[in-house]
């Protein structure tokens, strides 16, 4: 079986099935604990992976609202905003993540002078 056929017929359906199961799991968790910032972040990450950017942004913002000291959603928002060429917003979240102890997005953005 050729690789692209293998990916289309075997790998991709498995990934999608796993993602759907993970989404269902996170939604169920949020029903039990709607104030859990990590569950919002996890569902946001899954939403972003599925191409649901608006939903991901809303979930990341909610995670930050619930736990302002949580750096990971800032990093994820910064990535989304950088891809969308919303550099001021990307840098805002990069700096906040850095203040919270995660320099990874700042380091990534610094590699591209046009992003400043």
N, C-alpha and C. Protein backbone atom coordinates (compact mmCIF):
# COMPACT_ATOMS: atom_id res chain seq x y z
N UNK A 1 0.85 -1.17 0.00
CA UNK A 1 0.00 0.00 0.00
C UNK A 1 0.89 1.24 0.00
N UNK A 2 0.62 2.16 -0.87
CA UNK A 2 1.42 3.38 -0.93
C UNK A 2 1.20 4.22 0.32
N UNK A 3 2.19 5.04 0.63
CA UNK A 3 2.16 5.82 1.87
C UNK A 3 0.95 6.75 1.93
N UNK A 4 0.65 7.47 0.84
CA UNK A 4 -0.48 8.41 0.90
C UNK A 4 -1.81 7.68 1.07
N UNK A 5 -1.93 6.49 0.50
CA UNK A 5 -3.15 5.70 0.68
C UNK A 5 -3.23 5.24 2.13
N UNK A 6 -2.10 4.78 2.66
CA UNK A 6 -2.03 4.34 4.05
C UNK A 6 -2.44 5.48 4.98
N UNK A 7 -1.92 6.66 4.71
CA UNK A 7 -2.26 7.81 5.55
C UNK A 7 -3.75 8.12 5.46
N UNK A 8 -4.28 8.16 4.24
CA UNK A 8 -5.68 8.53 4.04
C UNK A 8 -6.63 7.48 4.61
N UNK A 9 -6.31 6.21 4.43
CA UNK A 9 -7.25 5.15 4.80
C UNK A 9 -7.05 4.60 6.20
N UNK A 10 -5.87 4.78 6.77
CA UNK A 10 -5.61 4.18 8.07
C UNK A 10 -5.25 5.23 9.12
N UNK A 11 -4.25 6.02 8.85
CA UNK A 11 -3.74 6.94 9.86
C UNK A 11 -4.72 8.08 10.13
N UNK A 12 -5.17 8.77 9.09
CA UNK A 12 -6.04 9.93 9.29
C UNK A 12 -7.34 9.58 10.02
N UNK A 13 -8.04 8.51 9.64
CA UNK A 13 -9.25 8.17 10.40
C UNK A 13 -8.96 7.87 11.88
N UNK A 14 -7.83 7.23 12.14
CA UNK A 14 -7.47 6.94 13.53
C UNK A 14 -7.23 8.23 14.30
N UNK A 15 -6.51 9.17 13.69
CA UNK A 15 -6.26 10.45 14.34
C UNK A 15 -7.56 11.19 14.61
N UNK A 16 -8.43 11.23 13.60
CA UNK A 16 -9.70 11.94 13.76
C UNK A 16 -10.55 11.28 14.84
N UNK A 17 -10.56 9.98 14.88
CA UNK A 17 -11.32 9.26 15.89
C UNK A 17 -10.77 9.56 17.28
N UNK A 18 -9.45 9.57 17.42
CA UNK A 18 -8.84 9.89 18.70
C UNK A 18 -9.14 11.32 19.11
N UNK A 19 -9.12 12.24 18.16
CA UNK A 19 -9.40 13.64 18.46
C UNK A 19 -10.84 13.80 18.91
N UNK A 20 -11.75 13.16 18.20
CA UNK A 20 -13.17 13.26 18.57
C UNK A 20 -13.39 12.70 19.97
N UNK A 21 -12.74 11.61 20.29
CA UNK A 21 -12.86 11.03 21.63
C UNK A 21 -12.29 11.99 22.68
N UNK A 22 -11.17 12.61 22.37
CA UNK A 22 -10.56 13.56 23.30
C UNK A 22 -11.44 14.80 23.48
N UNK A 23 -12.03 15.28 22.39
CA UNK A 23 -12.94 16.43 22.48
C UNK A 23 -14.13 16.08 23.37
N UNK A 24 -14.72 14.93 23.14
CA UNK A 24 -15.86 14.50 23.96
C UNK A 24 -15.47 14.39 25.44
N UNK A 25 -14.28 13.86 25.67
CA UNK A 25 -13.79 13.73 27.04
C UNK A 25 -13.63 15.09 27.71
N UNK A 26 -13.03 16.04 27.00
CA UNK A 26 -12.83 17.38 27.57
C UNK A 26 -14.16 18.10 27.80
N UNK A 27 -15.09 17.94 26.87
CA UNK A 27 -16.41 18.57 27.06
C UNK A 27 -17.12 18.00 28.28
N UNK A 28 -17.03 16.69 28.45
CA UNK A 28 -17.63 16.06 29.63
C UNK A 28 -16.96 16.56 30.91
N UNK A 29 -15.65 16.70 30.86
CA UNK A 29 -14.92 17.20 32.02
C UNK A 29 -15.36 18.62 32.35
N UNK A 30 -15.52 19.47 31.31
CA UNK A 30 -15.95 20.85 31.54
C UNK A 30 -17.37 20.93 32.07
N UNK A 31 -18.21 19.98 31.72
CA UNK A 31 -19.56 19.96 32.29
C UNK A 31 -19.50 19.72 33.80
N UNK A 32 -18.56 18.89 34.22
CA UNK A 32 -18.41 18.59 35.65
C UNK A 32 -17.66 19.70 36.38
N UNK A 33 -16.73 20.35 35.69
CA UNK A 33 -15.87 21.36 36.32
C UNK A 33 -15.67 22.53 35.35
N UNK A 34 -16.69 23.37 35.17
CA UNK A 34 -16.63 24.43 34.16
C UNK A 34 -15.62 25.54 34.45
N UNK A 35 -15.08 25.56 35.65
CA UNK A 35 -14.12 26.60 36.02
C UNK A 35 -12.68 26.11 35.94
N UNK A 36 -12.45 24.99 35.28
CA UNK A 36 -11.10 24.42 35.21
C UNK A 36 -10.35 25.00 34.01
N UNK A 37 -9.34 25.84 34.25
CA UNK A 37 -8.63 26.48 33.14
C UNK A 37 -7.87 25.48 32.26
N UNK A 38 -7.37 24.41 32.85
CA UNK A 38 -6.61 23.44 32.05
C UNK A 38 -7.51 22.67 31.09
N UNK A 39 -8.73 22.43 31.49
CA UNK A 39 -9.68 21.77 30.59
C UNK A 39 -10.05 22.70 29.43
N UNK A 40 -10.20 23.99 29.73
CA UNK A 40 -10.47 24.96 28.65
C UNK A 40 -9.28 25.00 27.69
N UNK A 41 -8.08 25.00 28.26
CA UNK A 41 -6.88 25.01 27.41
C UNK A 41 -6.80 23.75 26.56
N UNK A 42 -7.06 22.60 27.17
CA UNK A 42 -6.98 21.33 26.42
C UNK A 42 -8.00 21.31 25.28
N UNK A 43 -9.23 21.74 25.57
CA UNK A 43 -10.25 21.76 24.52
C UNK A 43 -9.90 22.80 23.46
N UNK A 44 -9.30 23.92 23.87
CA UNK A 44 -8.84 24.91 22.91
C UNK A 44 -7.77 24.36 21.99
N UNK A 45 -6.85 23.61 22.56
CA UNK A 45 -5.79 22.99 21.76
C UNK A 45 -6.38 22.01 20.75
N UNK A 46 -7.32 21.20 21.19
CA UNK A 46 -7.97 20.26 20.27
C UNK A 46 -8.76 21.01 19.20
N UNK A 47 -9.44 22.07 19.59
CA UNK A 47 -10.20 22.87 18.62
C UNK A 47 -9.27 23.47 17.57
N UNK A 48 -8.14 23.97 18.03
CA UNK A 48 -7.17 24.55 17.09
C UNK A 48 -6.66 23.48 16.13
N UNK A 49 -6.38 22.30 16.65
CA UNK A 49 -5.91 21.20 15.82
C UNK A 49 -6.95 20.83 14.76
N UNK A 50 -8.23 20.97 15.11
CA UNK A 50 -9.31 20.67 14.17
C UNK A 50 -9.59 21.81 13.20
N UNK A 51 -8.87 22.92 13.33
CA UNK A 51 -9.07 24.05 12.44
C UNK A 51 -10.16 25.00 12.90
N UNK A 52 -10.60 24.86 14.12
CA UNK A 52 -11.65 25.71 14.69
C UNK A 52 -11.00 26.84 15.48
N UNK A 53 -10.40 27.77 14.75
CA UNK A 53 -9.59 28.81 15.37
C UNK A 53 -10.39 29.71 16.29
N UNK A 54 -11.57 30.14 15.87
CA UNK A 54 -12.37 31.03 16.72
C UNK A 54 -12.72 30.36 18.05
N UNK A 55 -13.10 29.11 17.99
CA UNK A 55 -13.41 28.38 19.22
C UNK A 55 -12.16 28.24 20.09
N UNK A 56 -11.03 27.97 19.46
CA UNK A 56 -9.77 27.83 20.20
C UNK A 56 -9.43 29.13 20.91
N UNK A 57 -9.53 30.25 20.20
CA UNK A 57 -9.22 31.55 20.80
C UNK A 57 -10.13 31.80 22.01
N UNK A 58 -11.42 31.56 21.85
CA UNK A 58 -12.35 31.77 22.96
C UNK A 58 -12.01 30.90 24.16
N UNK A 59 -11.64 29.65 23.91
CA UNK A 59 -11.29 28.75 25.01
C UNK A 59 -9.98 29.15 25.68
N UNK A 60 -9.00 29.59 24.90
CA UNK A 60 -7.74 30.05 25.49
C UNK A 60 -7.98 31.31 26.33
N UNK A 61 -8.79 32.24 25.82
CA UNK A 61 -9.09 33.45 26.59
C UNK A 61 -9.82 33.11 27.89
N UNK A 62 -10.71 32.14 27.84
CA UNK A 62 -11.41 31.72 29.06
C UNK A 62 -10.44 31.08 30.04
N UNK A 63 -9.50 30.29 29.56
CA UNK A 63 -8.50 29.69 30.45
C UNK A 63 -7.70 30.78 31.16
N UNK A 64 -7.35 31.84 30.42
CA UNK A 64 -6.60 32.95 31.02
C UNK A 64 -7.46 33.68 32.04
N UNK A 65 -8.72 33.88 31.70
CA UNK A 65 -9.64 34.54 32.63
C UNK A 65 -9.74 33.76 33.94
N UNK A 66 -9.79 32.45 33.85
CA UNK A 66 -9.90 31.60 35.03
C UNK A 66 -8.60 31.51 35.82
N UNK A 67 -7.46 31.58 35.12
CA UNK A 67 -6.16 31.50 35.79
C UNK A 67 -5.18 32.44 35.09
N UNK A 68 -5.15 33.70 35.52
CA UNK A 68 -4.27 34.68 34.87
C UNK A 68 -2.78 34.33 34.91
N UNK A 69 -2.39 33.41 35.79
CA UNK A 69 -0.98 33.02 35.89
C UNK A 69 -0.64 31.80 35.05
N UNK A 70 -1.53 31.39 34.17
CA UNK A 70 -1.35 30.20 33.34
C UNK A 70 -0.74 30.64 32.00
N UNK A 71 0.52 30.31 31.78
CA UNK A 71 1.26 30.80 30.60
C UNK A 71 0.87 30.10 29.30
N UNK A 72 0.54 28.83 29.35
CA UNK A 72 0.32 28.05 28.12
C UNK A 72 -0.73 28.65 27.18
N UNK A 73 -1.88 29.13 27.67
CA UNK A 73 -2.84 29.71 26.72
C UNK A 73 -2.32 30.99 26.07
N UNK A 74 -1.47 31.73 26.78
CA UNK A 74 -0.86 32.92 26.17
C UNK A 74 0.02 32.51 24.99
N UNK A 75 0.79 31.46 25.17
CA UNK A 75 1.66 30.98 24.10
C UNK A 75 0.82 30.54 22.90
N UNK A 76 -0.22 29.79 23.16
CA UNK A 76 -1.07 29.32 22.05
C UNK A 76 -1.76 30.47 21.34
N UNK A 77 -2.27 31.45 22.09
CA UNK A 77 -2.88 32.62 21.45
C UNK A 77 -1.86 33.37 20.62
N UNK A 78 -0.66 33.51 21.16
CA UNK A 78 0.39 34.20 20.41
C UNK A 78 0.71 33.51 19.09
N UNK A 79 0.73 32.19 19.11
CA UNK A 79 0.96 31.44 17.86
C UNK A 79 -0.15 31.73 16.84
N UNK A 80 -1.38 31.67 17.30
CA UNK A 80 -2.51 31.93 16.40
C UNK A 80 -2.41 33.34 15.83
N UNK A 81 -2.18 34.32 16.70
CA UNK A 81 -2.13 35.70 16.23
C UNK A 81 -0.95 35.93 15.29
N UNK A 82 0.17 35.29 15.54
CA UNK A 82 1.32 35.44 14.63
C UNK A 82 0.99 34.90 13.25
N UNK A 83 0.35 33.75 13.19
CA UNK A 83 -0.04 33.16 11.91
C UNK A 83 -1.02 34.08 11.19
N UNK A 84 -1.89 34.73 11.95
CA UNK A 84 -2.87 35.65 11.37
C UNK A 84 -2.28 37.03 11.09
N UNK A 85 -0.99 37.19 11.34
CA UNK A 85 -0.25 38.45 11.15
C UNK A 85 -0.77 39.57 12.05
N UNK A 86 -1.28 39.19 13.17
CA UNK A 86 -1.72 40.15 14.20
C UNK A 86 -0.57 40.24 15.22
N UNK A 87 0.51 40.84 14.76
CA UNK A 87 1.76 40.77 15.51
C UNK A 87 1.71 41.50 16.85
N UNK A 88 1.01 42.62 16.92
CA UNK A 88 0.92 43.31 18.21
C UNK A 88 0.29 42.41 19.27
N UNK A 89 -0.77 41.72 18.88
CA UNK A 89 -1.42 40.81 19.83
C UNK A 89 -0.54 39.60 20.14
N UNK A 90 0.17 39.11 19.13
CA UNK A 90 1.08 37.99 19.36
C UNK A 90 2.14 38.38 20.38
N UNK A 91 2.72 39.56 20.20
CA UNK A 91 3.75 40.02 21.13
C UNK A 91 3.19 40.26 22.53
N UNK A 92 1.98 40.77 22.61
CA UNK A 92 1.35 40.99 23.92
C UNK A 92 1.30 39.67 24.69
N UNK A 93 0.85 38.62 24.03
CA UNK A 93 0.75 37.32 24.71
C UNK A 93 2.12 36.69 24.93
N UNK A 94 3.05 36.93 24.02
CA UNK A 94 4.41 36.41 24.20
C UNK A 94 5.05 37.04 25.44
N UNK A 95 4.88 38.34 25.60
CA UNK A 95 5.47 39.02 26.76
C UNK A 95 4.82 38.57 28.07
N UNK A 96 3.52 38.36 28.02
CA UNK A 96 2.84 37.90 29.23
C UNK A 96 3.28 36.47 29.58
N UNK A 97 3.40 35.62 28.59
CA UNK A 97 3.89 34.26 28.85
C UNK A 97 5.31 34.31 29.42
N UNK A 98 6.13 35.19 28.87
CA UNK A 98 7.49 35.33 29.38
C UNK A 98 7.47 35.79 30.84
N UNK A 99 6.63 36.75 31.15
CA UNK A 99 6.52 37.23 32.53
C UNK A 99 6.11 36.09 33.47
N UNK A 100 5.32 35.17 32.93
CA UNK A 100 4.86 34.02 33.72
C UNK A 100 5.84 32.85 33.70
N UNK A 101 6.97 33.02 33.01
CA UNK A 101 8.02 32.00 33.05
C UNK A 101 8.23 31.18 31.79
N UNK A 102 7.51 31.49 30.73
CA UNK A 102 7.67 30.73 29.47
C UNK A 102 8.14 31.67 28.37
N UNK A 103 9.41 31.56 28.01
CA UNK A 103 10.01 32.43 26.99
C UNK A 103 9.90 31.87 25.58
N UNK A 104 9.31 30.72 25.41
CA UNK A 104 9.36 30.02 24.11
C UNK A 104 8.80 30.85 22.96
N UNK A 105 7.68 31.52 23.16
CA UNK A 105 7.10 32.30 22.07
C UNK A 105 7.93 33.54 21.78
N UNK A 106 8.45 34.19 22.80
CA UNK A 106 9.33 35.35 22.59
C UNK A 106 10.52 34.92 21.74
N UNK A 107 11.13 33.80 22.08
CA UNK A 107 12.28 33.31 21.32
C UNK A 107 11.92 33.01 19.88
N UNK A 108 10.74 32.45 19.66
CA UNK A 108 10.31 32.16 18.29
C UNK A 108 10.08 33.45 17.51
N UNK A 109 9.39 34.40 18.12
CA UNK A 109 9.09 35.65 17.41
C UNK A 109 10.35 36.47 17.14
N UNK A 110 11.32 36.40 18.04
CA UNK A 110 12.57 37.15 17.85
C UNK A 110 13.37 36.66 16.64
N UNK A 111 13.12 35.45 16.19
CA UNK A 111 13.84 34.92 15.03
C UNK A 111 13.43 35.59 13.73
N UNK A 112 12.30 36.28 13.75
CA UNK A 112 11.76 36.89 12.53
C UNK A 112 11.64 38.39 12.73
N UNK A 113 12.64 39.15 12.25
CA UNK A 113 12.65 40.60 12.46
C UNK A 113 11.39 41.30 11.94
N UNK A 114 10.77 40.78 10.91
CA UNK A 114 9.59 41.44 10.35
C UNK A 114 8.37 41.31 11.26
N UNK A 115 8.47 40.49 12.29
CA UNK A 115 7.34 40.26 13.19
C UNK A 115 7.34 41.26 14.34
N UNK A 116 8.33 42.09 14.44
CA UNK A 116 8.42 43.02 15.58
C UNK A 116 7.49 44.15 15.50
